C-alpha atoms as a PDB file:
ATOM      1  CA  MET A   1      39.293 -21.014  -6.366  1.00  0.00           C
ATOM      2  CA  ASP A   2      40.803 -17.497  -6.347  1.00  0.00           C
ATOM      3  CA  LYS A   3      38.418 -16.436  -9.087  1.00  0.00           C
ATOM      4  CA  VAL A   4      35.440 -17.703  -7.081  1.00  0.00           C
ATOM      5  CA  LEU A   5      36.570 -15.784  -4.004  1.00  0.00           C
ATOM      6  CA  GLU A   6      37.125 -12.660  -6.092  1.00  0.00           C
ATOM      7  CA  LEU A   7      33.654 -12.980  -7.597  1.00  0.00           C
ATOM      8  CA  GLU A   8      32.107 -13.438  -4.134  1.00  0.00           C
ATOM      9  CA  ARG A   9      33.899 -10.298  -2.931  1.00  0.00           C
ATOM     10  CA  GLU A  10      32.637  -8.313  -5.931  1.00  0.00           C
ATOM     11  CA  LEU A  11      29.103  -9.522  -5.334  1.00  0.00           C
ATOM     12  CA  GLN A  12      29.360  -8.610  -1.634  1.00  0.00           C
ATOM     13  CA  GLU A  13      30.694  -5.138  -2.494  1.00  0.00           C
ATOM     14  CA  ARG A  14      27.812  -4.574  -4.960  1.00  0.00           C
ATOM     15  CA  ASP A  15      25.325  -5.732  -2.354  1.00  0.00           C
ATOM     16  CA  ASN A  16      26.848  -3.332   0.203  1.00  0.00           C
ATOM     17  CA  ASP A  17      26.731  -0.463  -2.339  1.00  0.00           C
ATOM     18  CA  LEU A  18      23.086  -1.237  -3.132  1.00  0.00           C
ATOM     19  CA  ARG A  19      22.163  -1.285   0.550  1.00  0.00           C
ATOM     20  CA  ALA A  20      23.949   2.013   1.104  1.00  0.00           C
ATOM     21  CA  CYS A  21      22.147   3.532  -1.850  1.00  0.00           C
ATOM     22  CA  LYS A  22      18.767   2.358  -0.552  1.00  0.00           C
ATOM     23  CA  ASN A  23      19.535   3.690   2.924  1.00  0.00           C
ATOM     24  CA  ALA A  24      20.620   7.059   1.517  1.00  0.00           C
ATOM     25  CA  THR A  25      17.477   7.254  -0.622  1.00  0.00           C
ATOM     26  CA  GLY A  26      15.285   6.412   2.336  1.00  0.00           C
ATOM     27  CA  GLU A  27      17.018   9.003   4.506  1.00  0.00           C
ATOM     28  CA  PHE A  28      16.636  11.646   1.769  1.00  0.00           C
ATOM     29  CA  ILE A  29      12.920  10.949   1.428  1.00  0.00           C
ATOM     30  CA  TYR A  30      12.494  11.086   5.207  1.00  0.00           C
ATOM     31  CA  LEU A  31      14.325  14.401   5.561  1.00  0.00           C
ATOM     32  CA  ALA A  32      12.599  15.929   2.511  1.00  0.00           C
ATOM     33  CA  SER A  33       9.150  14.951   3.779  1.00  0.00           C
ATOM     34  CA  HIS A  34       9.993  16.352   7.213  1.00  0.00           C
ATOM     35  CA  ASP A  35      11.142  19.684   5.740  1.00  0.00           C
ATOM     36  CA  LEU A  36       8.054  19.940   3.528  1.00  0.00           C
ATOM     37  CA  ARG A  37       5.659  19.771   6.448  1.00  0.00           C
ATOM     38  CA  ALA A  38       6.597  23.215   7.833  1.00  0.00           C
ATOM     39  CA  PRO A  39       5.745  25.253   4.737  1.00  0.00           C
ATOM     40  CA  LEU A  40       2.564  23.228   4.229  1.00  0.00           C
ATOM     41  CA  ARG A  41       1.470  24.047   7.797  1.00  0.00           C
ATOM     42  CA  LYS A  42       2.177  27.751   7.107  1.00  0.00           C
ATOM     43  CA  LEU A  43       0.090  27.627   3.926  1.00  0.00           C
ATOM     44  CA  SER A  44      -2.800  26.125   5.887  1.00  0.00           C
ATOM     45  CA  VAL A  45      -2.530  28.753   8.636  1.00  0.00           C
ATOM     46  CA  PHE A  46      -2.272  31.694   6.214  1.00  0.00           C
ATOM     47  CA  THR A  47      -5.249  30.612   4.102  1.00  0.00           C
ATOM     48  CA  GLU A  48      -7.338  30.116   7.246  1.00  0.00           C
ATOM     49  CA  ARG A  49      -6.408  33.630   8.471  1.00  0.00           C
ATOM     50  CA  LEU A  50      -7.137  35.111   5.059  1.00  0.00           C
ATOM     51  CA  VAL A  51     -10.612  33.625   5.015  1.00  0.00           C
ATOM     52  CA  TYR A  52     -11.265  34.592   8.630  1.00  0.00           C
ATOM     53  CA  LYS A  53     -10.210  38.229   8.222  1.00  0.00           C
ATOM     54  CA  SER A  54     -11.266  38.949   4.653  1.00  0.00           C
ATOM     55  CA  ALA A  55     -14.139  36.589   3.813  1.00  0.00           C
ATOM     56  CA  ASP A  56     -16.588  39.494   3.631  1.00  0.00           C
ATOM     57  CA  VAL A  57     -14.552  41.367   0.999  1.00  0.00           C
ATOM     58  CA  LEU A  58     -13.439  38.381  -1.064  1.00  0.00           C
ATOM     59  CA  GLY A  59     -15.569  37.550  -4.052  1.00  0.00           C
ATOM     60  CA  GLU A  60     -16.948  34.127  -4.866  1.00  0.00           C
ATOM     61  CA  GLU A  61     -14.178  33.512  -7.416  1.00  0.00           C
ATOM     62  CA  SER A  62     -11.440  34.406  -4.912  1.00  0.00           C
ATOM     63  CA  LEU A  63     -12.950  32.114  -2.287  1.00  0.00           C
ATOM     64  CA  SER A  64     -13.079  29.278  -4.828  1.00  0.00           C
ATOM     65  CA  TYR A  65      -9.342  29.762  -5.424  1.00  0.00           C
ATOM     66  CA  ILE A  66      -8.708  29.548  -1.703  1.00  0.00           C
ATOM     67  CA  VAL A  67     -10.661  26.302  -1.546  1.00  0.00           C
ATOM     68  CA  ARG A  68      -8.475  24.952  -4.350  1.00  0.00           C
ATOM     69  CA  ILE A  69      -5.356  25.993  -2.441  1.00  0.00           C
ATOM     70  CA  GLU A  70      -6.645  24.240   0.673  1.00  0.00           C
ATOM     71  CA  ASN A  71      -7.395  21.091  -1.316  1.00  0.00           C
ATOM     72  CA  ALA A  72      -3.947  21.168  -2.903  1.00  0.00           C
ATOM     73  CA  VAL A  73      -2.292  21.583   0.536  1.00  0.00           C
ATOM     74  CA  ALA A  74      -4.339  18.681   1.918  1.00  0.00           C
ATOM     75  CA  ALA A  75      -3.291  16.512  -1.046  1.00  0.00           C
ATOM     76  CA  MET A  76       0.336  17.483  -0.512  1.00  0.00           C
ATOM     77  CA  HIS A  77       0.079  16.615   3.194  1.00  0.00           C
ATOM     78  CA  SER A  78      -1.212  13.163   2.209  1.00  0.00           C
ATOM     79  CA  LEU A  79       1.579  12.692  -0.284  1.00  0.00           C
ATOM     80  CA  VAL A  80       4.263  13.713   2.234  1.00  0.00           C
ATOM     81  CA  ASP A  81       2.789  11.337   4.825  1.00  0.00           C
ATOM     82  CA  GLY A  82       2.695   8.585   2.216  1.00  0.00           C
ATOM     83  CA  LEU A  83       6.311   9.134   1.167  1.00  0.00           C
ATOM     84  CA  SER A  84       7.395   9.139   4.807  1.00  0.00           C
ATOM     85  CA  ALA A  85       5.563   5.873   5.483  1.00  0.00           C
ATOM     86  CA  PHE A  86       6.927   4.303   2.297  1.00  0.00           C
ATOM     87  CA  SER A  87      10.527   5.263   3.093  1.00  0.00           C
ATOM     88  CA  GLU A  88      10.115   3.969   6.664  1.00  0.00           C
ATOM     89  CA  ILE A  89       8.858   0.604   5.389  1.00  0.00           C
ATOM     90  CA  SER A  90      11.733   0.469   2.896  1.00  0.00           C
ATOM     91  CA  ALA A  91      14.442   1.314   5.432  1.00  0.00           C
ATOM     92  CA  THR A  92      13.164  -0.482   8.540  1.00  0.00           C
ATOM     93  CA  ASP A  93      14.283  -3.968   9.536  1.00  0.00           C
ATOM     94  CA  PHE A  94      11.044  -5.747  10.444  1.00  0.00           C
ATOM     95  CA  ASP A  95      10.636  -7.607  13.726  1.00  0.00           C
ATOM     96  CA  PHE A  96       9.239 -11.038  12.767  1.00  0.00           C
ATOM     97  CA  ARG A  97       7.345 -13.310  15.105  1.00  0.00           C
ATOM     98  CA  VAL A  98       4.427 -15.724  14.939  1.00  0.00           C
ATOM     99  CA  CYS A  99       1.231 -13.794  14.241  1.00  0.00           C
ATOM    100  CA  ASP A 100      -2.378 -14.822  13.649  1.00  0.00           C
ATOM    101  CA  LEU A 101      -3.614 -13.277  10.423  1.00  0.00           C
ATOM    102  CA  ASN A 102      -7.199 -13.521  11.708  1.00  0.00           C
ATOM    103  CA  ASN A 103      -6.282 -11.026  14.433  1.00  0.00           C
ATOM    104  CA  VAL A 104      -4.364  -8.873  11.905  1.00  0.00           C
ATOM    105  CA  LEU A 105      -7.434  -8.713   9.652  1.00  0.00           C
ATOM    106  CA  ARG A 106      -9.739  -8.021  12.580  1.00  0.00           C
ATOM    107  CA  GLU A 107      -7.629  -5.022  13.597  1.00  0.00           C
ATOM    108  CA  ALA A 108      -7.500  -3.756  10.007  1.00  0.00           C
ATOM    109  CA  ILE A 109     -11.285  -3.936   9.706  1.00  0.00           C
ATOM    110  CA  LYS A 110     -11.653  -2.162  13.053  1.00  0.00           C
ATOM    111  CA  ASP A 111      -9.491   0.711  11.834  1.00  0.00           C
ATOM    112  CA  LEU A 112     -11.612   0.996   8.680  1.00  0.00           C
ATOM    113  CA  ALA A 113     -14.951   0.703  10.489  1.00  0.00           C
ATOM    114  CA  LEU A 114     -16.175   4.168   9.531  1.00  0.00           C
ATOM    115  CA  SER A 115     -15.337   3.790   5.832  1.00  0.00           C
ATOM    116  CA  ILE A 116     -16.883   0.283   5.771  1.00  0.00           C
ATOM    117  CA  LYS A 117     -20.084   1.602   7.354  1.00  0.00           C
ATOM    118  CA  GLU A 118     -20.342   4.709   5.153  1.00  0.00           C
ATOM    119  CA  ASN A 119     -19.980   2.600   1.988  1.00  0.00           C
ATOM    120  CA  ASP A 120     -22.150  -0.266   3.267  1.00  0.00           C
ATOM    121  CA  ALA A 121     -19.278  -2.624   2.470  1.00  0.00           C
ATOM    122  CA  ASP A 122     -19.713  -6.359   3.101  1.00  0.00           C
ATOM    123  CA  ILE A 123     -16.531  -8.225   4.042  1.00  0.00           C
ATOM    124  CA  GLN A 124     -16.559 -11.969   4.201  1.00  0.00           C
ATOM    125  CA  THR A 125     -13.540 -13.998   5.201  1.00  0.00           C
ATOM    126  CA  SER A 126     -12.510 -17.584   5.672  1.00  0.00           C
ATOM    127  CA  HIS A 127     -10.136 -18.763   8.395  1.00  0.00           C
ATOM    128  CA  LEU A 128      -6.629 -17.320   7.913  1.00  0.00           C
ATOM    129  CA  PRO A 129      -3.382 -19.005   8.945  1.00  0.00           C
ATOM    130  CA  GLN A 130      -0.690 -18.210  11.455  1.00  0.00           C
ATOM    131  CA  ILE A 131       2.620 -17.221   9.922  1.00  0.00           C
ATOM    132  CA  GLU A 132       5.958 -15.756  10.951  1.00  0.00           C
ATOM    133  CA  GLY A 133       5.477 -12.085  10.158  1.00  0.00           C
ATOM    134  CA  ASN A 134       5.243  -8.507  11.326  1.00  0.00           C
ATOM    135  CA  ALA A 135       1.645  -7.926  12.449  1.00  0.00           C
ATOM    136  CA  PRO A 136       1.596  -4.059  12.340  1.00  0.00           C
ATOM    137  CA  HIS A 137       2.946  -3.941   8.788  1.00  0.00           C
ATOM    138  CA  LEU A 138       0.720  -6.778   7.596  1.00  0.00           C
ATOM    139  CA  LYS A 139      -2.216  -4.850   9.051  1.00  0.00           C
ATOM    140  CA  THR A 140      -1.140  -1.865   6.947  1.00  0.00           C
ATOM    141  CA  ALA A 141      -1.103  -4.058   3.822  1.00  0.00           C
ATOM    142  CA  PHE A 142      -4.554  -5.490   4.609  1.00  0.00           C
ATOM    143  CA  LYS A 143      -5.938  -2.009   5.213  1.00  0.00           C
ATOM    144  CA  HIS A 144      -4.638  -0.751   1.867  1.00  0.00           C
ATOM    145  CA  LEU A 145      -6.158  -3.710   0.018  1.00  0.00           C
ATOM    146  CA  ILE A 146      -9.551  -3.313   1.676  1.00  0.00           C
ATOM    147  CA  SER A 147      -9.503   0.473   1.226  1.00  0.00           C
ATOM    148  CA  ASN A 148      -8.603  -0.039  -2.434  1.00  0.00           C
ATOM    149  CA  SER A 149     -11.654  -2.240  -2.945  1.00  0.00           C
ATOM    150  CA  ILE A 150     -13.920   0.280  -1.267  1.00  0.00           C
ATOM    151  CA  LYS A 151     -12.491   3.233  -3.171  1.00  0.00           C
ATOM    152  CA  PHE A 152     -12.869   1.587  -6.574  1.00  0.00           C
ATOM    153  CA  LYS A 153     -16.417   0.397  -6.071  1.00  0.00           C
ATOM    154  CA  LYS A 154     -19.049   0.576  -8.783  1.00  0.00           C
ATOM    155  CA  GLN A 155     -21.411   3.478  -8.633  1.00  0.00           C
ATOM    156  CA  ASP A 156     -24.531   2.693  -6.596  1.00  0.00           C
ATOM    157  CA  VAL A 157     -23.248  -0.814  -5.851  1.00  0.00           C
ATOM    158  CA  ALA A 158     -22.216  -1.706  -2.278  1.00  0.00           C
ATOM    159  CA  PRO A 159     -18.665  -3.137  -2.120  1.00  0.00           C
ATOM    160  CA  GLN A 160     -18.390  -6.852  -1.502  1.00  0.00           C
ATOM    161  CA  ILE A 161     -14.961  -8.119  -0.451  1.00  0.00           C
ATOM    162  CA  LEU A 162     -14.159 -11.795  -0.085  1.00  0.00           C
ATOM    163  CA  ILE A 163     -10.957 -12.759   1.725  1.00  0.00           C
ATOM    164  CA  ALA A 164     -10.011 -16.429   1.368  1.00  0.00           C
ATOM    165  CA  SER A 165      -6.947 -18.508   2.217  1.00  0.00           C
ATOM    166  CA  GLU A 166      -5.585 -21.897   1.184  1.00  0.00           C
ATOM    167  CA  LEU A 167      -2.286 -23.750   1.161  1.00  0.00           C
ATOM    168  CA  LEU A 168      -0.205 -23.226  -1.942  1.00  0.00           C
ATOM    169  CA  GLN A 169      -0.019 -26.423  -3.987  1.00  0.00           C
ATOM    170  CA  PRO A 170       3.248 -27.918  -5.278  1.00  0.00           C
ATOM    171  CA  GLU A 171       2.505 -27.040  -8.901  1.00  0.00           C
ATOM    172  CA  GLU A 172       1.880 -23.402  -7.901  1.00  0.00           C
ATOM    173  CA  LYS A 173       5.197 -23.277  -6.033  1.00  0.00           C
ATOM    174  CA  LYS A 174       6.896 -24.482  -9.182  1.00  0.00           C
ATOM    175  CA  VAL A 175       5.207 -21.811 -11.309  1.00  0.00           C
ATOM    176  CA  HIS A 176       6.345 -19.066  -8.934  1.00  0.00           C
ATOM    177  CA  GLY A 177       9.863 -20.474  -8.479  1.00  0.00           C
ATOM    178  CA  LEU A 178       9.377 -21.138  -4.778  1.00  0.00           C
ATOM    179  CA  PRO A 179      11.214 -23.833  -2.777  1.00  0.00           C
ATOM    180  CA  PRO A 180       9.128 -27.053  -2.902  1.00  0.00           C
ATOM    181  CA  ASP A 181       9.838 -28.025   0.726  1.00  0.00           C
ATOM    182  CA  ALA A 182       8.548 -24.734   2.249  1.00  0.00           C
ATOM    183  CA  ILE A 183       4.955 -24.097   3.302  1.00  0.00           C
ATOM    184  CA  TYR A 184       3.226 -21.152   1.649  1.00  0.00           C
ATOM    185  CA  HIS A 185      -0.246 -19.731   2.071  1.00  0.00           C
ATOM    186  CA  ARG A 186      -2.230 -18.114  -0.742  1.00  0.00           C
ATOM    187  CA  ILE A 187      -4.504 -15.294   0.474  1.00  0.00           C
ATOM    188  CA  GLU A 188      -6.946 -13.700  -1.964  1.00  0.00           C
ATOM    189  CA  PHE A 189      -8.734 -10.357  -1.722  1.00  0.00           C
ATOM    190  CA  THR A 190     -11.564 -10.369  -4.282  1.00  0.00           C
ATOM    191  CA  ASP A 191     -14.025  -7.536  -4.828  1.00  0.00           C
ATOM    192  CA  ASN A 192     -16.918  -6.550  -7.082  1.00  0.00           C
ATOM    193  CA  GLY A 193     -15.596  -3.119  -8.003  1.00  0.00           C
ATOM    194  CA  ILE A 194     -14.840  -1.456 -11.288  1.00  0.00           C
ATOM    195  CA  GLY A 195     -11.827  -3.690 -11.905  1.00  0.00           C
ATOM    196  CA  PHE A 196      -9.006  -2.939 -14.362  1.00  0.00           C
ATOM    197  CA  LYS A 197      -7.633  -4.153 -17.684  1.00  0.00           C
ATOM    198  CA  ALA A 198      -5.274  -7.157 -17.593  1.00  0.00           C
ATOM    199  CA  GLU A 199      -2.385  -5.190 -19.086  1.00  0.00           C
ATOM    200  CA  TYR A 200      -2.307  -2.975 -15.981  1.00  0.00           C
ATOM    201  CA  ALA A 201      -2.011  -5.866 -13.484  1.00  0.00           C
ATOM    202  CA  GLU A 202       1.701  -5.321 -12.852  1.00  0.00           C
ATOM    203  CA  LYS A 203       1.684  -1.548 -13.249  1.00  0.00           C
ATOM    204  CA  ILE A 204      -0.709  -0.840 -10.386  1.00  0.00           C
ATOM    205  CA  LEU A 205       1.673  -2.338  -7.801  1.00  0.00           C
ATOM    206  CA  HIS A 206       4.294   0.326  -8.442  1.00  0.00           C
ATOM    207  CA  ALA A 207       4.521   3.747  -6.851  1.00  0.00           C
ATOM    208  CA  PHE A 208       2.601   6.656  -8.374  1.00  0.00           C
ATOM    209  CA  GLN A 209       0.944   4.488 -11.014  1.00  0.00           C
ATOM    210  CA  ARG A 210      -2.644   5.574 -11.615  1.00  0.00           C
ATOM    211  CA  LEU A 211      -5.286   4.080 -13.870  1.00  0.00           C
ATOM    212  CA  HIS A 212      -7.850   6.797 -13.082  1.00  0.00           C
ATOM    213  CA  PRO A 213      -7.650  10.613 -12.826  1.00  0.00           C
ATOM    214  CA  LYS A 214      -7.112  12.228  -9.419  1.00  0.00           C
ATOM    215  CA  SER A 215     -10.346  14.164  -9.893  1.00  0.00           C
ATOM    216  CA  SER A 216     -12.292  10.899  -9.843  1.00  0.00           C
ATOM    217  CA  TYR A 217     -10.367   8.961  -7.176  1.00  0.00           C
ATOM    218  CA  SER A 218      -8.299  10.523  -4.425  1.00  0.00           C
ATOM    219  CA  GLY A 219      -5.102   9.043  -3.070  1.00  0.00           C
ATOM    220  CA  THR A 220      -1.325   9.274  -3.242  1.00  0.00           C
ATOM    221  CA  GLY A 221      -0.628   6.358  -5.605  1.00  0.00           C
ATOM    222  CA  LEU A 222       1.498   4.703  -2.925  1.00  0.00           C
ATOM    223  CA  GLY A 223      -0.897   2.308  -1.175  1.00  0.00           C
ATOM    224  CA  LEU A 224      -0.424  -0.771  -3.349  1.00  0.00           C
ATOM    225  CA  ALA A 225       3.311  -0.048  -3.674  1.00  0.00           C
ATOM    226  CA  MET A 226       3.508  -0.156   0.138  1.00  0.00           C
ATOM    227  CA  CYS A 227       1.674  -3.498   0.101  1.00  0.00           C
ATOM    228  CA  LYS A 228       4.238  -4.865  -2.337  1.00  0.00           C
ATOM    229  CA  LYS A 229       7.136  -3.583  -0.251  1.00  0.00           C
ATOM    230  CA  ILE A 230       5.686  -5.186   2.901  1.00  0.00           C
ATOM    231  CA  ILE A 231       5.045  -8.537   1.225  1.00  0.00           C
ATOM    232  CA  ASP A 232       8.533  -8.479  -0.343  1.00  0.00           C
ATOM    233  CA  LYS A 233      10.034  -8.042   3.125  1.00  0.00           C
ATOM    234  CA  HIS A 234       8.115 -11.141   4.227  1.00  0.00           C
ATOM    235  CA  HIS A 235       9.793 -13.045   1.358  1.00  0.00           C
ATOM    236  CA  GLY A 236       6.371 -13.407  -0.241  1.00  0.00           C
ATOM    237  CA  LEU A 237       4.715 -12.460  -3.520  1.00  0.00           C
ATOM    238  CA  ILE A 238       1.800 -10.187  -4.402  1.00  0.00           C
ATOM    239  CA  TYR A 239       0.123  -9.870  -7.780  1.00  0.00           C
ATOM    240  CA  ALA A 240      -3.214  -8.777  -9.204  1.00  0.00           C
ATOM    241  CA  GLU A 241      -5.666 -10.462 -11.517  1.00  0.00           C
ATOM    242  CA  ALA A 242      -8.171  -8.550 -13.621  1.00  0.00           C
ATOM    243  CA  ASN A 243     -11.774  -9.526 -14.066  1.00  0.00           C
ATOM    244  CA  GLY A 244     -12.614  -6.815 -16.615  1.00  0.00           C
ATOM    245  CA  ASN A 245     -15.352  -4.648 -15.145  1.00  0.00           C
ATOM    246  CA  SER A 246     -16.401  -7.404 -12.735  1.00  0.00           C
ATOM    247  CA  GLY A 247     -13.990  -6.539  -9.948  1.00  0.00           C
ATOM    248  CA  ALA A 248     -10.391  -7.185  -9.049  1.00  0.00           C
ATOM    249  CA  LYS A 249      -8.430  -9.833  -7.210  1.00  0.00           C
ATOM    250  CA  PHE A 250      -5.188  -9.392  -5.290  1.00  0.00           C
ATOM    251  CA  ILE A 251      -3.243 -12.495  -4.349  1.00  0.00           C
ATOM    252  CA  LEU A 252      -0.721 -12.673  -1.525  1.00  0.00           C
ATOM    253  CA  ILE A 253       1.621 -15.633  -1.232  1.00  0.00           C
ATOM    254  CA  LEU A 254       3.229 -15.710   2.193  1.00  0.00           C
ATOM    255  CA  PRO A 255       5.591 -18.284   3.693  1.00  0.00           C
ATOM    256  CA  LYS A 256       4.570 -19.905   6.956  1.00  0.00           C
ATOM    257  CA  ILE A 257       8.146 -19.447   8.165  1.00  0.00           C
ATOM    258  CA  ARG A 258      10.257 -16.611   6.747  1.00  0.00           C
ATOM    259  CA  LYS A 259      13.695 -17.855   5.712  1.00  0.00           C
END
């Protein structure tokens, strides 16, 4: 009995140490991203002033370098914002309540209206369930998944995104090691984009993992990692399935009631 209690204490201490480490990491990222914003703002201001005051004496090559600096600063701003958002998601205790995923999806689509219109994207969805969750963060996850499908579209092919939901069957719960008596919903985001190779299915859900060069596809490499972090906090699962060059599928498995 004493050994069991000692083991429990050790496990609790390790858990406390891990939580403290995560909190410290999140705080460091937050402070670092905050401190980086000031010099980035100065770079933006100085390059704007340089162009305004000296554009007539700067040669074409010099102006092209300034454009590159401005692009690099913009990319760094996006990365800092992404890191700040990622650390906030990691460190924040979510407020969970019953939410209608139909409303969550509707709000996500509304936020992406301009991008959807510009890319002539077609989004079709079936009825989604109500679950115990955090609506704002789930909206963030939905937005990243939809944006991902739009970004990685095929050239000259309008994006088609199908969002479908169904109850997770007992055999699927067993495969994923989920409690058989709990209710889970399987939500799929399927697109007709460029897809990816099967060996990259797990890699793309981690931070800063890229399958394509930055010059071809913009972004911070944090979007899908944020999705994973959000779904993890809902005690759910997220994974990707490859369809070669025939598109991609992202599957969310979310509990009806978070335990």
